[in-house]
Structures are given as C-alpha cells and as structure tokens.
C-alpha cells in the first residue's frame, strides 16, 4: 500500500508574502538525538564546527535574500528553530512577466529560502568531513498570525536550550 505523504504547507497560501514564519529544521532521523551541531552545557548551546557552519549559512541567507529579516533563532544539537520575517516595500513589490511564471517572481518563497539554506549547509558540512550528514526531507513551518503568538514562539526559542538540556543528557548523544 502506497501511503500518501502529508502535505506540510498550507494549501494555496503564498509563502512569499510578508509575515512572520516559525520554522523547525531537523537532521535526518538516523542522526536524531546526536550532538551533530554541538552540545548543551548549563542551558547554553555550544556549537561545534558543524554548528558553526549552520550559523554561518543562516546569516548568509539574510544577506542573500534581502526581503527577509532573521528574528529569534537557535541551533540545537540535532535541529534548528527560527523565526523568519518576509518583508516587501512598495517599490520592490512587483512580479516580472505575466504573473503566471513564478520563476520570475522577485521574492523567493519560504520553501526556496529554506532549500538554499539546507543545500549550502549540507555541502559545507560534507566538505568539512561529515559525509553522512543529511537534513530531514522537509521542514516544519507555522504562519505567525499575531503579536501574542510571535512573543510566545520567541520565548520558546530562547528557552529551548535550557528546556532541552535534560532531554539530550538523558539519551546517548554521540556524534
């Protein structure tokens, strides 16, 4: 029996439109609960060389895609949480071509931004010697619809290392 894969994105929603988006990107399940990007010590995440690559590439994403602003984010031992804000200005907010050809769209949607991030981090991690590294196939996203939700998600991200420390230390967490 061929199981249908659950769609992760909201149907017919334009993920290139302005707004705040909460994302979680996880390493492949075979690497779950391992200290792929570093370890949590005293409630703070200490990045290893692969975590530093994730950090560098996340900052690169903001340089590469001028229509996004990085809000709160945290690199955890085996996953990554972030809030991405997509912004448009009156002058920039146009689509080149007929409007049907989305490849000509000036703003990249969230999925393409995350795809570029995952591709470049994977490539750099492989170059640095971790040949078996892979991200999970997709990512989790949530459209943040109001300021209260934004504040709650920021709090969750900020507290993630403190709250996650017990979970990671109670498991076998080798790289």
N, C-alpha and C. Protein backbone atom coordinates (compact mmCIF):
# COMPACT_ATOMS: atom_id res chain seq x y z
N UNK A 1 0.84 -1.18 0.00
CA UNK A 1 0.00 0.00 0.00
C UNK A 1 0.88 1.24 0.00
N UNK A 2 0.62 2.18 -0.89
CA UNK A 2 1.41 3.40 -1.01
C UNK A 2 0.76 4.50 -0.20
N UNK A 3 1.37 4.83 0.93
CA UNK A 3 0.83 5.87 1.80
C UNK A 3 1.06 7.24 1.17
N UNK A 4 0.04 8.09 1.22
CA UNK A 4 0.22 9.45 0.72
C UNK A 4 0.98 10.25 1.76
N UNK A 5 1.94 11.02 1.30
CA UNK A 5 2.73 11.86 2.18
C UNK A 5 1.89 13.06 2.60
N UNK A 6 1.91 13.37 3.89
CA UNK A 6 1.18 14.50 4.42
C UNK A 6 1.79 15.80 3.89
N UNK A 7 0.94 16.69 3.40
CA UNK A 7 1.42 17.99 2.93
C UNK A 7 1.75 18.86 4.13
N UNK A 8 2.94 19.46 4.10
CA UNK A 8 3.36 20.28 5.22
C UNK A 8 2.93 21.74 5.10
N UNK A 9 2.76 22.21 3.90
CA UNK A 9 2.43 23.62 3.67
C UNK A 9 0.92 23.81 3.57
N UNK A 10 0.51 25.01 3.95
CA UNK A 10 -0.89 25.39 3.86
C UNK A 10 -1.27 25.54 2.39
N UNK A 11 -2.30 24.82 1.96
CA UNK A 11 -2.71 24.84 0.56
C UNK A 11 -3.08 26.25 0.11
N UNK A 12 -2.63 26.59 -1.08
CA UNK A 12 -2.93 27.85 -1.75
C UNK A 12 -2.47 29.08 -0.98
N UNK A 13 -1.56 28.91 -0.03
CA UNK A 13 -1.02 30.05 0.70
C UNK A 13 0.27 30.51 0.01
N UNK A 14 0.42 31.79 -0.17
CA UNK A 14 1.61 32.35 -0.82
C UNK A 14 2.68 32.61 0.25
N UNK A 15 3.64 31.70 0.33
CA UNK A 15 4.70 31.79 1.34
C UNK A 15 5.78 32.81 0.98
N UNK A 16 5.54 33.63 -0.03
CA UNK A 16 6.46 34.73 -0.31
C UNK A 16 5.86 36.05 0.17
N UNK A 17 4.65 36.01 0.69
CA UNK A 17 4.02 37.25 1.14
C UNK A 17 4.55 37.67 2.50
N UNK A 18 4.48 38.98 2.79
CA UNK A 18 5.00 39.48 4.06
C UNK A 18 4.36 38.80 5.26
N UNK A 19 5.18 38.56 6.27
CA UNK A 19 4.70 37.96 7.50
C UNK A 19 5.82 37.29 8.26
N UNK A 20 5.48 36.81 9.45
CA UNK A 20 6.42 36.07 10.30
C UNK A 20 6.13 34.59 10.18
N UNK A 21 7.20 33.82 10.02
CA UNK A 21 7.09 32.38 9.86
C UNK A 21 8.02 31.69 10.85
N UNK A 22 7.47 30.74 11.59
CA UNK A 22 8.27 29.94 12.51
C UNK A 22 8.64 28.65 11.78
N UNK A 23 9.92 28.29 11.81
CA UNK A 23 10.36 27.07 11.14
C UNK A 23 11.17 26.20 12.10
N UNK A 24 11.12 24.91 11.86
CA UNK A 24 11.99 23.94 12.54
C UNK A 24 12.53 23.02 11.46
N UNK A 25 13.85 22.88 11.47
CA UNK A 25 14.52 22.01 10.51
C UNK A 25 15.30 20.98 11.33
N UNK A 26 15.07 19.70 11.05
CA UNK A 26 15.70 18.62 11.81
C UNK A 26 16.69 17.86 10.94
N UNK A 27 17.68 17.28 11.61
CA UNK A 27 18.59 16.38 10.91
C UNK A 27 17.82 15.11 10.56
N UNK A 28 18.36 14.32 9.67
CA UNK A 28 17.73 13.05 9.28
C UNK A 28 17.53 12.19 10.52
N UNK A 29 16.50 11.36 10.51
CA UNK A 29 16.14 10.56 11.68
C UNK A 29 17.28 9.68 12.19
N UNK A 30 18.17 9.24 11.32
CA UNK A 30 19.31 8.42 11.76
C UNK A 30 20.27 9.20 12.65
N UNK A 31 20.22 10.53 12.57
CA UNK A 31 21.11 11.38 13.37
C UNK A 31 20.40 11.99 14.57
N UNK A 32 19.12 11.69 14.73
CA UNK A 32 18.32 12.27 15.81
C UNK A 32 18.92 11.93 17.16
N UNK A 33 18.89 12.87 18.07
CA UNK A 33 19.39 12.78 19.44
C UNK A 33 20.91 12.71 19.51
N UNK A 34 21.58 13.01 18.43
CA UNK A 34 23.04 13.06 18.45
C UNK A 34 23.48 14.51 18.46
N UNK A 35 24.65 14.74 18.96
CA UNK A 35 25.19 16.10 19.06
C UNK A 35 25.82 16.52 17.74
N UNK A 36 25.02 16.59 16.72
CA UNK A 36 25.50 16.90 15.38
C UNK A 36 26.09 18.31 15.32
N UNK A 37 25.41 19.28 15.96
CA UNK A 37 25.83 20.68 15.87
C UNK A 37 26.49 21.20 17.14
N UNK A 38 26.64 20.36 18.14
CA UNK A 38 27.25 20.78 19.40
C UNK A 38 26.49 20.19 20.57
N UNK A 39 26.80 20.70 21.76
CA UNK A 39 26.19 20.19 22.99
C UNK A 39 25.64 21.34 23.82
N UNK A 40 24.71 21.00 24.68
CA UNK A 40 24.14 21.97 25.62
C UNK A 40 24.88 21.82 26.94
N UNK A 41 25.46 22.93 27.42
CA UNK A 41 26.12 22.98 28.72
C UNK A 41 25.52 24.12 29.53
N UNK A 42 25.07 23.81 30.72
CA UNK A 42 24.49 24.82 31.60
C UNK A 42 23.44 25.67 30.90
N UNK A 43 22.58 25.03 30.13
CA UNK A 43 21.48 25.72 29.49
C UNK A 43 21.85 26.56 28.28
N UNK A 44 23.09 26.42 27.82
CA UNK A 44 23.54 27.17 26.64
C UNK A 44 24.09 26.22 25.60
N UNK A 45 23.77 26.48 24.37
CA UNK A 45 24.25 25.65 23.27
C UNK A 45 25.67 26.07 22.91
N UNK A 46 26.59 25.09 22.92
CA UNK A 46 27.97 25.32 22.49
C UNK A 46 28.15 24.61 21.16
N UNK A 47 28.32 25.41 20.12
CA UNK A 47 28.40 24.88 18.76
C UNK A 47 29.74 24.21 18.49
N UNK A 48 29.69 23.13 17.74
CA UNK A 48 30.91 22.52 17.22
C UNK A 48 31.13 23.07 15.80
N UNK A 49 32.08 22.52 15.06
CA UNK A 49 32.37 23.06 13.72
C UNK A 49 31.16 22.98 12.78
N UNK A 50 30.33 21.96 12.95
CA UNK A 50 29.15 21.83 12.08
C UNK A 50 28.06 22.82 12.49
N UNK A 51 27.93 23.06 13.78
CA UNK A 51 27.02 24.09 14.25
C UNK A 51 27.44 25.47 13.79
N UNK A 52 28.74 25.70 13.76
CA UNK A 52 29.26 26.98 13.25
C UNK A 52 28.93 27.16 11.78
N UNK A 53 28.94 26.07 11.03
CA UNK A 53 28.55 26.14 9.61
C UNK A 53 27.08 26.51 9.49
N UNK A 54 26.23 25.90 10.32
CA UNK A 54 24.81 26.23 10.31
C UNK A 54 24.63 27.72 10.62
N UNK A 55 25.34 28.22 11.62
CA UNK A 55 25.27 29.64 11.97
C UNK A 55 25.70 30.52 10.79
N UNK A 56 26.84 30.20 10.21
CA UNK A 56 27.36 30.99 9.09
C UNK A 56 26.37 31.01 7.92
N UNK A 57 25.79 29.86 7.60
CA UNK A 57 24.86 29.79 6.47
C UNK A 57 23.52 30.46 6.78
N UNK A 58 23.11 30.45 8.04
CA UNK A 58 21.88 31.15 8.39
C UNK A 58 22.06 32.66 8.20
N UNK A 59 23.20 33.17 8.59
CA UNK A 59 23.49 34.59 8.39
C UNK A 59 23.63 34.90 6.89
N UNK A 60 24.19 33.96 6.14
CA UNK A 60 24.30 34.11 4.69
C UNK A 60 22.92 34.24 4.04
N UNK A 61 21.95 33.48 4.53
CA UNK A 61 20.59 33.53 3.99
C UNK A 61 20.05 34.96 4.06
N UNK A 62 20.29 35.65 5.18
CA UNK A 62 19.79 37.02 5.33
C UNK A 62 20.50 37.98 4.38
N UNK A 63 21.76 37.70 4.09
CA UNK A 63 22.50 38.54 3.13
C UNK A 63 22.02 38.27 1.71
N UNK A 64 21.77 37.03 1.41
CA UNK A 64 21.39 36.61 0.06
C UNK A 64 19.98 37.04 -0.32
N UNK A 65 19.06 36.93 0.64
CA UNK A 65 17.66 37.25 0.39
C UNK A 65 17.30 38.51 1.17
N UNK A 66 17.36 39.62 0.49
CA UNK A 66 17.17 40.93 1.13
C UNK A 66 15.74 41.17 1.60
N UNK A 67 14.81 40.33 1.18
CA UNK A 67 13.42 40.51 1.59
C UNK A 67 13.07 39.73 2.87
N UNK A 68 14.10 39.23 3.57
CA UNK A 68 13.84 38.56 4.84
C UNK A 68 14.63 39.22 5.96
N UNK A 69 14.08 39.11 7.15
CA UNK A 69 14.75 39.56 8.37
C UNK A 69 14.78 38.36 9.31
N UNK A 70 15.93 38.08 9.88
CA UNK A 70 16.05 36.99 10.84
C UNK A 70 15.63 37.51 12.20
N UNK A 71 14.68 36.84 12.81
CA UNK A 71 14.23 37.17 14.16
C UNK A 71 14.97 36.20 15.09
N UNK A 72 14.32 35.73 16.13
CA UNK A 72 14.95 34.76 17.05
C UNK A 72 15.26 33.47 16.32
N UNK A 73 16.34 32.81 16.73
CA UNK A 73 16.68 31.50 16.21
C UNK A 73 17.61 30.83 17.20
N UNK A 74 17.65 29.50 17.12
CA UNK A 74 18.55 28.73 17.97
C UNK A 74 18.96 27.46 17.24
N UNK A 75 20.23 27.16 17.33
CA UNK A 75 20.77 25.91 16.81
C UNK A 75 20.84 24.96 17.99
N UNK A 76 20.20 23.81 17.86
CA UNK A 76 20.19 22.79 18.90
C UNK A 76 21.09 21.63 18.44
N UNK A 77 21.33 20.63 19.29
CA UNK A 77 22.24 19.54 18.89
C UNK A 77 21.84 18.83 17.59
N UNK A 78 20.53 18.71 17.33
CA UNK A 78 20.09 17.97 16.14
C UNK A 78 18.97 18.65 15.35
N UNK A 79 18.70 19.90 15.66
CA UNK A 79 17.68 20.64 14.91
C UNK A 79 17.91 22.14 15.04
N UNK A 80 17.06 22.87 14.34
CA UNK A 80 17.21 24.32 14.25
C UNK A 80 15.83 24.95 14.27
N UNK A 81 15.64 25.96 15.13
CA UNK A 81 14.39 26.72 15.19
C UNK A 81 14.68 28.15 14.78
N UNK A 82 13.74 28.77 14.08
CA UNK A 82 13.92 30.17 13.71
C UNK A 82 12.60 30.82 13.38
N UNK A 83 12.60 32.14 13.52
CA UNK A 83 11.51 32.96 13.02
C UNK A 83 12.09 33.79 11.88
N UNK A 84 11.43 33.70 10.74
CA UNK A 84 11.84 34.46 9.56
C UNK A 84 10.72 35.44 9.25
N UNK A 85 11.10 36.69 9.06
CA UNK A 85 10.12 37.70 8.66
C UNK A 85 10.36 38.04 7.20
N UNK A 86 9.32 37.90 6.39
CA UNK A 86 9.39 38.29 4.99
C UNK A 86 8.78 39.69 4.90
N UNK A 87 9.53 40.60 4.29
CA UNK A 87 9.09 41.99 4.17
C UNK A 87 9.12 42.41 2.70
N UNK A 88 8.24 43.31 2.34
CA UNK A 88 8.21 43.90 1.00
C UNK A 88 8.10 45.41 1.16
N UNK A 89 8.59 46.13 0.19
CA UNK A 89 8.35 47.57 0.14
C UNK A 89 7.53 47.85 -1.10
N UNK A 90 6.92 49.01 -1.15
CA UNK A 90 6.09 49.38 -2.30
C UNK A 90 6.86 49.27 -3.61
N UNK A 91 8.09 49.78 -3.65
CA UNK A 91 8.88 49.76 -4.88
C UNK A 91 9.26 48.35 -5.30
N UNK A 92 9.55 47.51 -4.34
CA UNK A 92 10.02 46.16 -4.65
C UNK A 92 8.88 45.20 -4.97
N UNK A 93 7.68 45.51 -4.53
CA UNK A 93 6.59 44.54 -4.57
C UNK A 93 5.95 44.45 -5.95
N UNK A 94 6.63 43.81 -6.84
CA UNK A 94 6.08 43.57 -8.16
C UNK A 94 6.57 42.24 -8.68
N UNK A 95 5.84 41.71 -9.66
CA UNK A 95 6.23 40.45 -10.28
C UNK A 95 6.58 40.73 -11.72
N UNK A 96 7.73 40.25 -12.13
CA UNK A 96 8.17 40.43 -13.51
C UNK A 96 7.42 39.43 -14.38
N UNK A 97 7.09 39.80 -15.60
CA UNK A 97 6.41 38.88 -16.51
C UNK A 97 4.91 38.93 -16.35
N UNK A 98 4.26 37.85 -16.72
CA UNK A 98 2.80 37.81 -16.77
C UNK A 98 2.15 37.56 -15.42
N UNK A 99 2.93 37.17 -14.44
CA UNK A 99 2.35 36.82 -13.15
C UNK A 99 2.11 35.32 -13.04
N UNK A 100 2.09 34.64 -14.17
CA UNK A 100 1.90 33.18 -14.16
C UNK A 100 3.22 32.47 -13.97
N UNK A 101 4.28 33.09 -14.41
CA UNK A 101 5.60 32.47 -14.32
C UNK A 101 6.24 32.81 -12.98
N UNK A 102 6.05 31.92 -12.00
CA UNK A 102 6.55 32.17 -10.66
C UNK A 102 8.07 32.16 -10.57
N UNK A 103 8.75 31.61 -11.59
CA UNK A 103 10.21 31.62 -11.58
C UNK A 103 10.75 33.04 -11.75
N UNK A 104 9.93 33.94 -12.29
CA UNK A 104 10.34 35.32 -12.48
C UNK A 104 9.99 36.20 -11.28
N UNK A 105 9.36 35.63 -10.30
CA UNK A 105 8.95 36.37 -9.12
C UNK A 105 10.18 36.96 -8.42
N UNK A 106 10.08 38.19 -8.01
CA UNK A 106 11.20 38.86 -7.36
C UNK A 106 11.48 38.28 -5.98
N UNK A 107 10.44 37.91 -5.25
CA UNK A 107 10.61 37.38 -3.90
C UNK A 107 10.57 35.87 -3.91
N UNK A 108 11.55 35.28 -3.28
CA UNK A 108 11.57 33.83 -3.16
C UNK A 108 10.65 33.43 -2.01
N UNK A 109 9.88 32.38 -2.18
CA UNK A 109 9.03 31.90 -1.08
C UNK A 109 9.88 31.20 -0.01
N UNK A 110 9.30 31.03 1.14
CA UNK A 110 9.98 30.42 2.28
C UNK A 110 10.63 29.09 1.91
N UNK A 111 9.94 28.25 1.14
CA UNK A 111 10.48 26.93 0.80
C UNK A 111 11.80 27.03 0.03
N UNK A 112 11.92 28.01 -0.86
CA UNK A 112 13.17 28.17 -1.61
C UNK A 112 14.28 28.73 -0.73
N UNK A 113 13.93 29.57 0.21
CA UNK A 113 14.92 30.11 1.16
C UNK A 113 15.46 28.97 2.02
N UNK A 114 14.56 28.16 2.56
CA UNK A 114 14.97 27.03 3.40
C UNK A 114 15.74 26.01 2.56
N UNK A 115 15.32 25.80 1.33
CA UNK A 115 16.04 24.89 0.44
C UNK A 115 17.47 25.33 0.21
N UNK A 116 17.68 26.62 -0.02
CA UNK A 116 19.03 27.15 -0.21
C UNK A 116 19.86 26.97 1.06
N UNK A 117 19.26 27.23 2.20
CA UNK A 117 19.94 27.06 3.49
C UNK A 117 20.36 25.61 3.69
N UNK A 118 19.43 24.68 3.49
CA UNK A 118 19.72 23.26 3.69
C UNK A 118 20.79 22.76 2.71
N UNK A 119 20.69 23.19 1.46
CA UNK A 119 21.65 22.75 0.44
C UNK A 119 23.06 23.25 0.75
N UNK A 120 23.17 24.53 1.09
CA UNK A 120 24.51 25.08 1.34
C UNK A 120 25.12 24.56 2.63
N UNK A 121 24.30 24.38 3.67
CA UNK A 121 24.86 23.82 4.91
C UNK A 121 25.32 22.38 4.69
N UNK A 122 24.50 21.60 4.00
CA UNK A 122 24.89 20.20 3.73
C UNK A 122 26.20 20.13 2.96
N UNK A 123 26.30 20.94 1.94
CA UNK A 123 27.52 20.94 1.12
C UNK A 123 28.75 21.30 1.96
N UNK A 124 28.62 22.34 2.78
CA UNK A 124 29.77 22.77 3.59
C UNK A 124 30.10 21.76 4.69
N UNK A 125 29.09 21.14 5.26
CA UNK A 125 29.33 20.12 6.29
C UNK A 125 30.04 18.91 5.66
N UNK A 126 29.62 18.52 4.46
CA UNK A 126 30.29 17.42 3.75
C UNK A 126 31.74 17.77 3.45
N UNK A 127 31.98 18.98 2.97
CA UNK A 127 33.35 19.44 2.67
C UNK A 127 34.22 19.38 3.92
N UNK A 128 33.60 19.64 5.09
CA UNK A 128 34.34 19.62 6.35
C UNK A 128 34.42 18.24 6.99
N UNK A 129 34.07 17.19 6.23
CA UNK A 129 34.35 15.84 6.69
C UNK A 129 33.20 15.01 7.21
N UNK A 130 32.03 15.58 7.38
CA UNK A 130 30.90 14.80 7.89
C UNK A 130 30.08 14.34 6.68
N UNK A 131 30.57 13.30 6.01
CA UNK A 131 29.97 12.84 4.76
C UNK A 131 28.59 12.23 4.91
N UNK A 132 28.25 11.73 6.08
CA UNK A 132 26.94 11.09 6.30
C UNK A 132 25.86 12.07 6.76
N UNK A 133 26.20 13.35 6.82
CA UNK A 133 25.21 14.32 7.27
C UNK A 133 24.10 14.51 6.25
N UNK A 134 22.87 14.50 6.74
CA UNK A 134 21.71 14.86 5.91
C UNK A 134 20.65 15.51 6.79
N UNK A 135 19.93 16.44 6.20
CA UNK A 135 18.77 17.02 6.84
C UNK A 135 17.57 16.11 6.59
N UNK A 136 16.58 16.24 7.43
CA UNK A 136 15.29 15.60 7.19
C UNK A 136 14.74 16.16 5.87
N UNK A 137 13.94 15.39 5.17
CA UNK A 137 13.49 15.75 3.83
C UNK A 137 12.78 17.11 3.77
N UNK A 138 11.95 17.43 4.71
CA UNK A 138 11.18 18.66 4.66
C UNK A 138 11.51 19.52 5.87
N UNK A 139 10.60 20.35 6.29
CA UNK A 139 10.75 21.15 7.49
C UNK A 139 9.36 21.50 8.00
N UNK A 140 9.29 21.90 9.25
CA UNK A 140 8.03 22.32 9.84
C UNK A 140 7.92 23.82 9.71
N UNK A 141 6.74 24.32 9.37
CA UNK A 141 6.53 25.76 9.39
C UNK A 141 5.20 26.09 10.04
N UNK A 142 5.15 27.28 10.57
CA UNK A 142 3.92 27.79 11.17
C UNK A 142 3.83 29.28 10.82
N UNK A 143 2.71 29.69 10.28
CA UNK A 143 2.49 31.10 9.97
C UNK A 143 2.09 31.80 11.27
N UNK A 144 2.88 32.78 11.68
CA UNK A 144 2.61 33.51 12.92
C UNK A 144 1.63 34.63 12.60
N UNK A 145 0.44 34.56 13.18
CA UNK A 145 -0.64 35.44 12.76
C UNK A 145 -0.87 36.65 13.66
N UNK A 146 -0.26 36.67 14.86
CA UNK A 146 -0.46 37.84 15.71
C UNK A 146 0.74 38.03 16.64
N UNK A 147 0.78 39.18 17.30
CA UNK A 147 1.92 39.54 18.14
C UNK A 147 2.05 38.62 19.36
N UNK A 148 0.93 38.20 19.92
CA UNK A 148 0.99 37.30 21.08
C UNK A 148 1.65 35.97 20.71
N UNK A 149 1.28 35.42 19.57
CA UNK A 149 1.90 34.17 19.10
C UNK A 149 3.39 34.39 18.83
N UNK A 150 3.74 35.53 18.25
CA UNK A 150 5.15 35.84 17.99
C UNK A 150 5.94 35.87 19.29
N UNK A 151 5.39 36.51 20.32
CA UNK A 151 6.07 36.58 21.61
C UNK A 151 6.24 35.20 22.24
N UNK A 152 5.20 34.36 22.16
CA UNK A 152 5.26 33.00 22.72
C UNK A 152 6.31 32.15 22.00
N UNK A 153 6.37 32.26 20.68
CA UNK A 153 7.34 31.47 19.93
C UNK A 153 8.76 31.96 20.20
N UNK A 154 8.94 33.26 20.30
CA UNK A 154 10.26 33.80 20.67
C UNK A 154 10.71 33.22 22.01
N UNK A 155 9.81 33.22 22.97
CA UNK A 155 10.11 32.69 24.31
C UNK A 155 10.50 31.21 24.22
N UNK A 156 9.75 30.45 23.43
CA UNK A 156 10.05 29.03 23.25
C UNK A 156 11.46 28.84 22.67
N UNK A 157 11.79 29.62 21.66
CA UNK A 157 13.11 29.50 21.01
C UNK A 157 14.22 29.87 22.00
N UNK A 158 14.05 30.98 22.71
CA UNK A 158 15.08 31.44 23.66
C UNK A 158 15.31 30.40 24.75
N UNK A 159 14.23 29.77 25.23
CA UNK A 159 14.34 28.80 26.33
C UNK A 159 14.65 27.39 25.87
N UNK A 160 14.71 27.15 24.57
CA UNK A 160 14.89 25.80 24.06
C UNK A 160 16.15 25.11 24.60
N UNK A 161 17.31 25.75 24.64
CA UNK A 161 18.48 25.05 25.19
C UNK A 161 18.31 24.66 26.65
N UNK A 162 17.74 25.52 27.46
CA UNK A 162 17.53 25.21 28.88
C UNK A 162 16.55 24.05 29.02
N UNK A 163 15.44 24.12 28.29
CA UNK A 163 14.42 23.08 28.37
C UNK A 163 14.87 21.77 27.72
N UNK A 164 15.74 21.85 26.73
CA UNK A 164 16.18 20.66 26.02
C UNK A 164 17.37 19.95 26.65
N UNK A 165 18.06 20.63 27.56
CA UNK A 165 19.28 20.04 28.13
C UNK A 165 19.02 18.69 28.78
N UNK A 166 17.97 18.58 29.55
CA UNK A 166 17.63 17.32 30.23
C UNK A 166 17.36 16.21 29.23
N UNK A 167 16.65 16.54 28.15
CA UNK A 167 16.31 15.54 27.14
C UNK A 167 17.56 14.96 26.48
N UNK A 168 18.51 15.84 26.19
CA UNK A 168 19.72 15.40 25.48
C UNK A 168 20.69 14.69 26.42
N UNK A 169 20.77 15.09 27.67
CA UNK A 169 21.70 14.44 28.58
C UNK A 169 21.19 13.08 29.05
N UNK A 170 19.87 12.86 28.98
CA UNK A 170 19.30 11.58 29.38
C UNK A 170 19.34 10.53 28.26
N UNK A 171 19.84 10.90 27.11
CA UNK A 171 19.95 9.99 25.97
C UNK A 171 21.41 9.83 25.61
N UNK A 172 21.69 8.78 24.89
CA UNK A 172 23.05 8.59 24.38
C UNK A 172 23.23 9.57 23.22
N UNK A 173 24.12 10.53 23.35
CA UNK A 173 24.24 11.60 22.36
C UNK A 173 25.65 11.68 21.80
N UNK A 174 26.03 10.71 21.03
CA UNK A 174 27.33 10.75 20.38
C UNK A 174 27.19 11.35 18.99
N UNK A 175 28.28 11.86 18.47
CA UNK A 175 28.26 12.40 17.11
C UNK A 175 28.53 11.29 16.12
